[in-house]
Amino acid sequence: MELAALAVWIVTALIGLYLLVLWLAGSGLRQQATKVTAFPTALILSHPALAVAGLGLWLAFLLTRERAYAWGAFAVLTTVALLGFTLFTRWLGRGRHARGAERRFPVIAVALHGVAGVSTFVLVLLTASMAGRF
């Protein structure tokens, strides 16, 4: 199950990277000054940065089998999920209809990123809770 979590986490990251590139290509950072975008820079950059940090902890767990790394990855992933939910609600609320860079997000990419993210969250939780029992 831990390798399934890794695979889904990587898929989630790749879709998220695609969304981030779309946002940056749509001048998302430049739109911060004019408040056109619904996404504050700190929010949109901390979500992937923390996700990568959590993935690093997950890789450390896979290499060492230390349960603390699994729970650390889950703790970071919880924060990532909360930030992701905040981004999603902002996008639903006005982002899709705004003039900002997030209007370029394909609905299917947002949906796949969310489903993959929830799947990652559940797999990491289950694996962390079973770590060290076998």
N, C-alpha and C. Protein backbone atom coordinates (compact mmCIF):
# COMPACT_ATOMS: atom_id res chain seq x y z
N MET A 1 0.81 -1.20 0.00
CA MET A 1 0.00 0.00 0.00
C MET A 1 0.86 1.26 0.00
N GLU A 2 2.06 1.16 0.61
CA GLU A 2 2.90 2.35 0.65
C GLU A 2 3.40 2.76 -0.74
N LEU A 3 3.59 1.79 -1.63
CA LEU A 3 3.99 2.13 -3.00
C LEU A 3 2.81 2.69 -3.80
N ALA A 4 1.61 2.23 -3.50
CA ALA A 4 0.42 2.81 -4.13
C ALA A 4 0.28 4.27 -3.71
N ALA A 5 0.52 4.55 -2.44
CA ALA A 5 0.46 5.93 -1.95
C ALA A 5 1.49 6.79 -2.67
N LEU A 6 2.70 6.23 -2.86
CA LEU A 6 3.75 6.97 -3.57
C LEU A 6 3.33 7.25 -5.01
N ALA A 7 2.78 6.25 -5.68
CA ALA A 7 2.38 6.42 -7.08
C ALA A 7 1.27 7.46 -7.21
N VAL A 8 0.28 7.39 -6.34
CA VAL A 8 -0.82 8.35 -6.41
C VAL A 8 -0.33 9.75 -6.04
N TRP A 9 0.58 9.82 -5.08
CA TRP A 9 1.15 11.12 -4.68
C TRP A 9 1.87 11.75 -5.88
N ILE A 10 2.62 10.95 -6.63
CA ILE A 10 3.34 11.48 -7.80
C ILE A 10 2.36 11.94 -8.87
N VAL A 11 1.30 11.17 -9.11
CA VAL A 11 0.29 11.58 -10.08
C VAL A 11 -0.35 12.90 -9.64
N THR A 12 -0.67 13.00 -8.36
CA THR A 12 -1.25 14.23 -7.82
C THR A 12 -0.31 15.41 -8.04
N ALA A 13 0.98 15.18 -7.77
CA ALA A 13 1.98 16.24 -7.94
C ALA A 13 2.10 16.67 -9.40
N LEU A 14 2.05 15.73 -10.31
CA LEU A 14 2.17 16.07 -11.73
C LEU A 14 0.98 16.90 -12.21
N ILE A 15 -0.22 16.53 -11.78
CA ILE A 15 -1.40 17.32 -12.15
C ILE A 15 -1.32 18.70 -11.51
N GLY A 16 -0.88 18.74 -10.25
CA GLY A 16 -0.72 20.02 -9.57
C GLY A 16 0.32 20.90 -10.25
N LEU A 17 1.40 20.29 -10.71
CA LEU A 17 2.43 21.04 -11.43
C LEU A 17 1.85 21.63 -12.72
N TYR A 18 1.03 20.86 -13.40
CA TYR A 18 0.35 21.35 -14.61
C TYR A 18 -0.51 22.58 -14.28
N LEU A 19 -1.28 22.50 -13.19
CA LEU A 19 -2.13 23.64 -12.79
C LEU A 19 -1.28 24.85 -12.41
N LEU A 20 -0.17 24.61 -11.71
CA LEU A 20 0.71 25.72 -11.33
C LEU A 20 1.32 26.39 -12.55
N VAL A 21 1.74 25.58 -13.52
CA VAL A 21 2.30 26.14 -14.76
C VAL A 21 1.25 26.98 -15.49
N LEU A 22 0.02 26.49 -15.55
CA LEU A 22 -1.06 27.27 -16.17
C LEU A 22 -1.25 28.61 -15.46
N TRP A 23 -1.22 28.58 -14.13
CA TRP A 23 -1.42 29.80 -13.36
C TRP A 23 -0.27 30.78 -13.59
N LEU A 24 0.95 30.27 -13.57
CA LEU A 24 2.10 31.13 -13.80
C LEU A 24 2.12 31.67 -15.23
N ALA A 25 1.78 30.81 -16.21
CA ALA A 25 1.74 31.24 -17.61
C ALA A 25 0.64 32.27 -17.85
N GLY A 26 -0.40 32.23 -17.03
CA GLY A 26 -1.48 33.20 -17.14
C GLY A 26 -1.22 34.47 -16.36
N SER A 27 0.03 34.70 -15.98
CA SER A 27 0.45 35.91 -15.25
C SER A 27 -0.10 35.96 -13.84
N GLY A 28 -0.25 34.81 -13.21
CA GLY A 28 -0.78 34.76 -11.85
C GLY A 28 0.01 35.58 -10.85
N LEU A 29 1.34 35.52 -10.94
CA LEU A 29 2.16 36.29 -10.00
C LEU A 29 2.02 37.79 -10.23
N ARG A 30 1.96 38.20 -11.49
CA ARG A 30 1.84 39.63 -11.80
C ARG A 30 0.48 40.18 -11.41
N GLN A 31 -0.53 39.33 -11.33
CA GLN A 31 -1.88 39.79 -11.01
C GLN A 31 -2.08 40.00 -9.51
N GLN A 32 -1.10 39.64 -8.71
CA GLN A 32 -1.21 39.83 -7.27
C GLN A 32 -1.37 41.31 -6.90
N ALA A 33 -0.63 42.16 -7.56
CA ALA A 33 -0.66 43.59 -7.24
C ALA A 33 -2.02 44.21 -7.54
N THR A 34 -2.69 43.72 -8.55
CA THR A 34 -3.98 44.30 -8.94
C THR A 34 -5.16 43.57 -8.31
N LYS A 35 -4.89 42.53 -7.55
CA LYS A 35 -5.93 41.73 -6.87
C LYS A 35 -6.91 41.08 -7.85
N VAL A 36 -6.46 40.81 -9.08
CA VAL A 36 -7.31 40.17 -10.07
C VAL A 36 -7.46 38.69 -9.76
N THR A 37 -6.42 38.08 -9.23
CA THR A 37 -6.45 36.65 -8.94
C THR A 37 -7.09 36.37 -7.58
N ALA A 38 -7.73 35.22 -7.47
CA ALA A 38 -8.35 34.82 -6.20
C ALA A 38 -7.35 34.11 -5.29
N PHE A 39 -6.14 33.89 -5.80
CA PHE A 39 -5.15 33.12 -5.06
C PHE A 39 -3.99 33.99 -4.58
N PRO A 40 -3.87 34.18 -3.28
CA PRO A 40 -2.69 34.89 -2.76
C PRO A 40 -1.42 34.08 -3.04
N THR A 41 -0.33 34.77 -3.29
CA THR A 41 0.93 34.10 -3.62
C THR A 41 1.34 33.11 -2.54
N ALA A 42 1.23 33.49 -1.29
CA ALA A 42 1.63 32.59 -0.20
C ALA A 42 0.83 31.30 -0.23
N LEU A 43 -0.43 31.39 -0.53
CA LEU A 43 -1.28 30.21 -0.58
C LEU A 43 -0.93 29.30 -1.75
N ILE A 44 -0.78 29.89 -2.92
CA ILE A 44 -0.54 29.06 -4.10
C ILE A 44 0.87 28.49 -4.15
N LEU A 45 1.82 29.11 -3.49
CA LEU A 45 3.18 28.57 -3.47
C LEU A 45 3.43 27.63 -2.28
N SER A 46 2.76 27.86 -1.16
CA SER A 46 2.97 26.99 0.00
C SER A 46 2.32 25.62 -0.20
N HIS A 47 1.24 25.55 -0.95
CA HIS A 47 0.57 24.26 -1.19
C HIS A 47 1.52 23.27 -1.87
N PRO A 48 2.14 23.59 -3.00
CA PRO A 48 3.05 22.62 -3.60
C PRO A 48 4.36 22.46 -2.83
N ALA A 49 4.84 23.52 -2.20
CA ALA A 49 6.10 23.41 -1.45
C ALA A 49 5.95 22.42 -0.29
N LEU A 50 4.85 22.53 0.43
CA LEU A 50 4.63 21.58 1.52
C LEU A 50 4.35 20.17 1.00
N ALA A 51 3.69 20.07 -0.14
CA ALA A 51 3.44 18.75 -0.72
C ALA A 51 4.75 18.04 -1.06
N VAL A 52 5.70 18.79 -1.59
CA VAL A 52 7.02 18.22 -1.90
C VAL A 52 7.75 17.83 -0.62
N ALA A 53 7.64 18.65 0.42
CA ALA A 53 8.26 18.32 1.71
C ALA A 53 7.65 17.04 2.28
N GLY A 54 6.33 16.92 2.19
CA GLY A 54 5.66 15.70 2.66
C GLY A 54 6.08 14.49 1.86
N LEU A 55 6.23 14.66 0.56
CA LEU A 55 6.69 13.56 -0.29
C LEU A 55 8.10 13.14 0.11
N GLY A 56 8.92 14.09 0.46
CA GLY A 56 10.27 13.77 0.94
C GLY A 56 10.23 12.93 2.21
N LEU A 57 9.34 13.28 3.13
CA LEU A 57 9.17 12.49 4.34
C LEU A 57 8.66 11.09 4.02
N TRP A 58 7.76 11.01 3.03
CA TRP A 58 7.24 9.70 2.63
C TRP A 58 8.35 8.83 2.04
N LEU A 59 9.20 9.43 1.24
CA LEU A 59 10.34 8.69 0.69
C LEU A 59 11.28 8.24 1.80
N ALA A 60 11.48 9.10 2.80
CA ALA A 60 12.30 8.71 3.96
C ALA A 60 11.68 7.53 4.68
N PHE A 61 10.36 7.52 4.80
CA PHE A 61 9.67 6.38 5.41
C PHE A 61 9.89 5.11 4.59
N LEU A 62 9.76 5.22 3.28
CA LEU A 62 9.93 4.05 2.42
C LEU A 62 11.34 3.49 2.51
N LEU A 63 12.32 4.36 2.66
CA LEU A 63 13.71 3.92 2.73
C LEU A 63 14.10 3.37 4.09
N THR A 64 13.54 3.93 5.16
CA THR A 64 13.96 3.55 6.51
C THR A 64 12.95 2.69 7.27
N ARG A 65 11.71 2.75 6.86
CA ARG A 65 10.60 2.07 7.55
C ARG A 65 10.37 2.63 8.96
N GLU A 66 10.86 3.84 9.19
CA GLU A 66 10.64 4.51 10.47
C GLU A 66 9.23 5.09 10.49
N ARG A 67 8.45 4.67 11.43
CA ARG A 67 7.05 5.08 11.52
C ARG A 67 6.90 6.60 11.69
N ALA A 68 7.86 7.22 12.33
CA ALA A 68 7.79 8.67 12.56
C ALA A 68 7.76 9.43 11.23
N TYR A 69 8.48 8.94 10.24
CA TYR A 69 8.46 9.60 8.94
C TYR A 69 7.08 9.49 8.28
N ALA A 70 6.45 8.34 8.43
CA ALA A 70 5.11 8.16 7.86
C ALA A 70 4.13 9.13 8.50
N TRP A 71 4.18 9.25 9.82
CA TRP A 71 3.26 10.17 10.50
C TRP A 71 3.62 11.62 10.23
N GLY A 72 4.91 11.90 10.06
CA GLY A 72 5.31 13.26 9.68
C GLY A 72 4.79 13.62 8.29
N ALA A 73 4.89 12.67 7.37
CA ALA A 73 4.35 12.89 6.03
C ALA A 73 2.85 13.13 6.09
N PHE A 74 2.16 12.37 6.92
CA PHE A 74 0.72 12.55 7.05
C PHE A 74 0.38 13.91 7.65
N ALA A 75 1.15 14.34 8.64
CA ALA A 75 0.90 15.65 9.25
C ALA A 75 1.08 16.77 8.23
N VAL A 76 2.14 16.69 7.45
CA VAL A 76 2.37 17.70 6.42
C VAL A 76 1.26 17.62 5.36
N LEU A 77 0.89 16.40 5.00
CA LEU A 77 -0.16 16.21 4.00
C LEU A 77 -1.50 16.75 4.47
N THR A 78 -1.75 16.70 5.76
CA THR A 78 -2.98 17.29 6.31
C THR A 78 -3.01 18.79 6.05
N THR A 79 -1.89 19.45 6.29
CA THR A 79 -1.79 20.89 6.02
C THR A 79 -1.96 21.16 4.52
N VAL A 80 -1.32 20.33 3.70
CA VAL A 80 -1.44 20.48 2.25
C VAL A 80 -2.90 20.33 1.82
N ALA A 81 -3.60 19.37 2.40
CA ALA A 81 -5.01 19.15 2.06
C ALA A 81 -5.86 20.36 2.45
N LEU A 82 -5.60 20.93 3.60
CA LEU A 82 -6.35 22.12 4.02
C LEU A 82 -6.09 23.30 3.10
N LEU A 83 -4.84 23.48 2.71
CA LEU A 83 -4.51 24.55 1.76
C LEU A 83 -5.17 24.28 0.41
N GLY A 84 -5.15 23.02 -0.02
CA GLY A 84 -5.78 22.65 -1.28
C GLY A 84 -7.28 22.88 -1.25
N PHE A 85 -7.90 22.57 -0.13
CA PHE A 85 -9.33 22.82 0.00
C PHE A 85 -9.63 24.32 -0.06
N THR A 86 -8.76 25.11 0.54
CA THR A 86 -8.92 26.56 0.48
C THR A 86 -8.80 27.06 -0.97
N LEU A 87 -7.80 26.55 -1.69
CA LEU A 87 -7.66 26.92 -3.10
C LEU A 87 -8.89 26.51 -3.90
N PHE A 88 -9.37 25.31 -3.65
CA PHE A 88 -10.53 24.81 -4.38
C PHE A 88 -11.77 25.65 -4.12
N THR A 89 -12.02 26.00 -2.87
CA THR A 89 -13.21 26.80 -2.56
C THR A 89 -13.09 28.21 -3.15
N ARG A 90 -11.89 28.76 -3.16
CA ARG A 90 -11.70 30.08 -3.79
C ARG A 90 -11.94 29.98 -5.30
N TRP A 91 -11.47 28.90 -5.89
CA TRP A 91 -11.66 28.69 -7.33
C TRP A 91 -13.14 28.49 -7.65
N LEU A 92 -13.82 27.72 -6.82
CA LEU A 92 -15.25 27.52 -7.02
C LEU A 92 -16.03 28.82 -6.83
N GLY A 93 -15.65 29.56 -5.80
CA GLY A 93 -16.38 30.77 -5.45
C GLY A 93 -16.33 31.85 -6.49
N ARG A 94 -15.12 32.14 -6.99
CA ARG A 94 -15.04 33.20 -8.00
C ARG A 94 -13.92 32.98 -8.99
N GLY A 95 -13.01 32.07 -8.68
CA GLY A 95 -11.85 31.88 -9.53
C GLY A 95 -12.18 31.47 -10.95
N ARG A 96 -13.16 30.59 -11.13
CA ARG A 96 -13.51 30.14 -12.47
C ARG A 96 -14.11 31.26 -13.30
N HIS A 97 -14.72 32.22 -12.65
CA HIS A 97 -15.41 33.29 -13.35
C HIS A 97 -14.65 34.61 -13.31
N ALA A 98 -13.52 34.62 -12.64
CA ALA A 98 -12.74 35.85 -12.51
C ALA A 98 -11.93 36.11 -13.78
N ARG A 99 -11.32 37.23 -13.80
CA ARG A 99 -10.43 37.58 -14.91
C ARG A 99 -9.04 37.06 -14.66
N GLY A 100 -8.77 36.46 -13.53
CA GLY A 100 -7.45 36.04 -13.13
C GLY A 100 -6.94 34.81 -13.86
N ALA A 101 -5.71 34.45 -13.54
CA ALA A 101 -5.02 33.34 -14.19
C ALA A 101 -5.72 32.01 -13.95
N GLU A 102 -6.43 31.88 -12.83
CA GLU A 102 -7.07 30.60 -12.50
C GLU A 102 -8.27 30.28 -13.38
N ARG A 103 -8.71 31.22 -14.17
CA ARG A 103 -9.82 30.94 -15.09
C ARG A 103 -9.39 29.96 -16.17
N ARG A 104 -8.08 29.79 -16.33
CA ARG A 104 -7.53 28.89 -17.34
C ARG A 104 -7.53 27.43 -16.90
N PHE A 105 -7.85 27.18 -15.63
CA PHE A 105 -7.79 25.80 -15.13
C PHE A 105 -8.89 24.95 -15.76
N PRO A 106 -8.54 23.85 -16.42
CA PRO A 106 -9.56 22.93 -16.91
C PRO A 106 -10.25 22.24 -15.73
N VAL A 107 -11.56 22.16 -15.78
CA VAL A 107 -12.32 21.54 -14.69
C VAL A 107 -11.85 20.12 -14.45
N ILE A 108 -11.57 19.38 -15.52
CA ILE A 108 -11.15 17.99 -15.37
C ILE A 108 -9.82 17.89 -14.62
N ALA A 109 -8.90 18.81 -14.87
CA ALA A 109 -7.61 18.79 -14.17
C ALA A 109 -7.79 19.09 -12.68
N VAL A 110 -8.64 20.05 -12.37
CA VAL A 110 -8.92 20.37 -10.97
C VAL A 110 -9.56 19.17 -10.27
N ALA A 111 -10.52 18.54 -10.95
CA ALA A 111 -11.21 17.38 -10.37
C ALA A 111 -10.24 16.22 -10.16
N LEU A 112 -9.42 15.93 -11.16
CA LEU A 112 -8.45 14.83 -11.02
C LEU A 112 -7.44 15.10 -9.92
N HIS A 113 -6.99 16.34 -9.82
CA HIS A 113 -6.03 16.70 -8.76
C HIS A 113 -6.67 16.50 -7.39
N GLY A 114 -7.92 16.90 -7.26
CA GLY A 114 -8.62 16.73 -5.98
C GLY A 114 -8.84 15.27 -5.62
N VAL A 115 -9.30 14.48 -6.58
CA VAL A 115 -9.55 13.05 -6.33
C VAL A 115 -8.24 12.33 -6.00
N ALA A 116 -7.19 12.64 -6.76
CA ALA A 116 -5.90 12.02 -6.49
C ALA A 116 -5.36 12.47 -5.13
N GLY A 117 -5.59 13.73 -4.77
CA GLY A 117 -5.14 14.23 -3.47
C GLY A 117 -5.84 13.54 -2.31
N VAL A 118 -7.14 13.37 -2.43
CA VAL A 118 -7.89 12.67 -1.38
C VAL A 118 -7.44 11.22 -1.30
N SER A 119 -7.20 10.59 -2.44
CA SER A 119 -6.72 9.21 -2.46
C SER A 119 -5.36 9.10 -1.78
N THR A 120 -4.48 10.05 -2.06
CA THR A 120 -3.17 10.07 -1.41
C THR A 120 -3.32 10.20 0.10
N PHE A 121 -4.17 11.11 0.52
CA PHE A 121 -4.41 11.35 1.95
C PHE A 121 -4.86 10.06 2.64
N VAL A 122 -5.82 9.36 2.05
CA VAL A 122 -6.35 8.13 2.65
C VAL A 122 -5.29 7.04 2.66
N LEU A 123 -4.56 6.86 1.56
CA LEU A 123 -3.53 5.82 1.51
C LEU A 123 -2.41 6.07 2.50
N VAL A 124 -2.01 7.32 2.63
CA VAL A 124 -0.94 7.65 3.59
C VAL A 124 -1.44 7.43 5.02
N LEU A 125 -2.66 7.82 5.31
CA LEU A 125 -3.22 7.59 6.65
C LEU A 125 -3.28 6.10 6.97
N LEU A 126 -3.79 5.31 6.05
CA LEU A 126 -3.89 3.86 6.29
C LEU A 126 -2.52 3.22 6.45
N THR A 127 -1.60 3.60 5.59
CA THR A 127 -0.25 3.02 5.67
C THR A 127 0.45 3.43 6.96
N ALA A 128 0.35 4.71 7.33
CA ALA A 128 0.98 5.17 8.58
C ALA A 128 0.39 4.45 9.78
N SER A 129 -0.91 4.23 9.78
CA SER A 129 -1.54 3.58 10.92
C SER A 129 -1.18 2.10 11.02
N MET A 130 -0.78 1.51 9.90
CA MET A 130 -0.39 0.10 9.91
C MET A 130 1.12 -0.09 9.96
N ALA A 131 1.88 0.97 9.87
CA ALA A 131 3.34 0.88 9.85
C ALA A 131 3.86 0.24 11.13
N GLY A 132 4.78 -0.68 10.97
CA GLY A 132 5.40 -1.31 12.11
C GLY A 132 4.61 -2.45 12.72
N ARG A 133 3.47 -2.79 12.15
CA ARG A 133 2.65 -3.87 12.71
C ARG A 133 2.98 -5.22 12.11
N PHE A 134 3.70 -5.23 11.01
CA PHE A 134 3.98 -6.52 10.36
C PHE A 134 5.44 -6.87 10.42
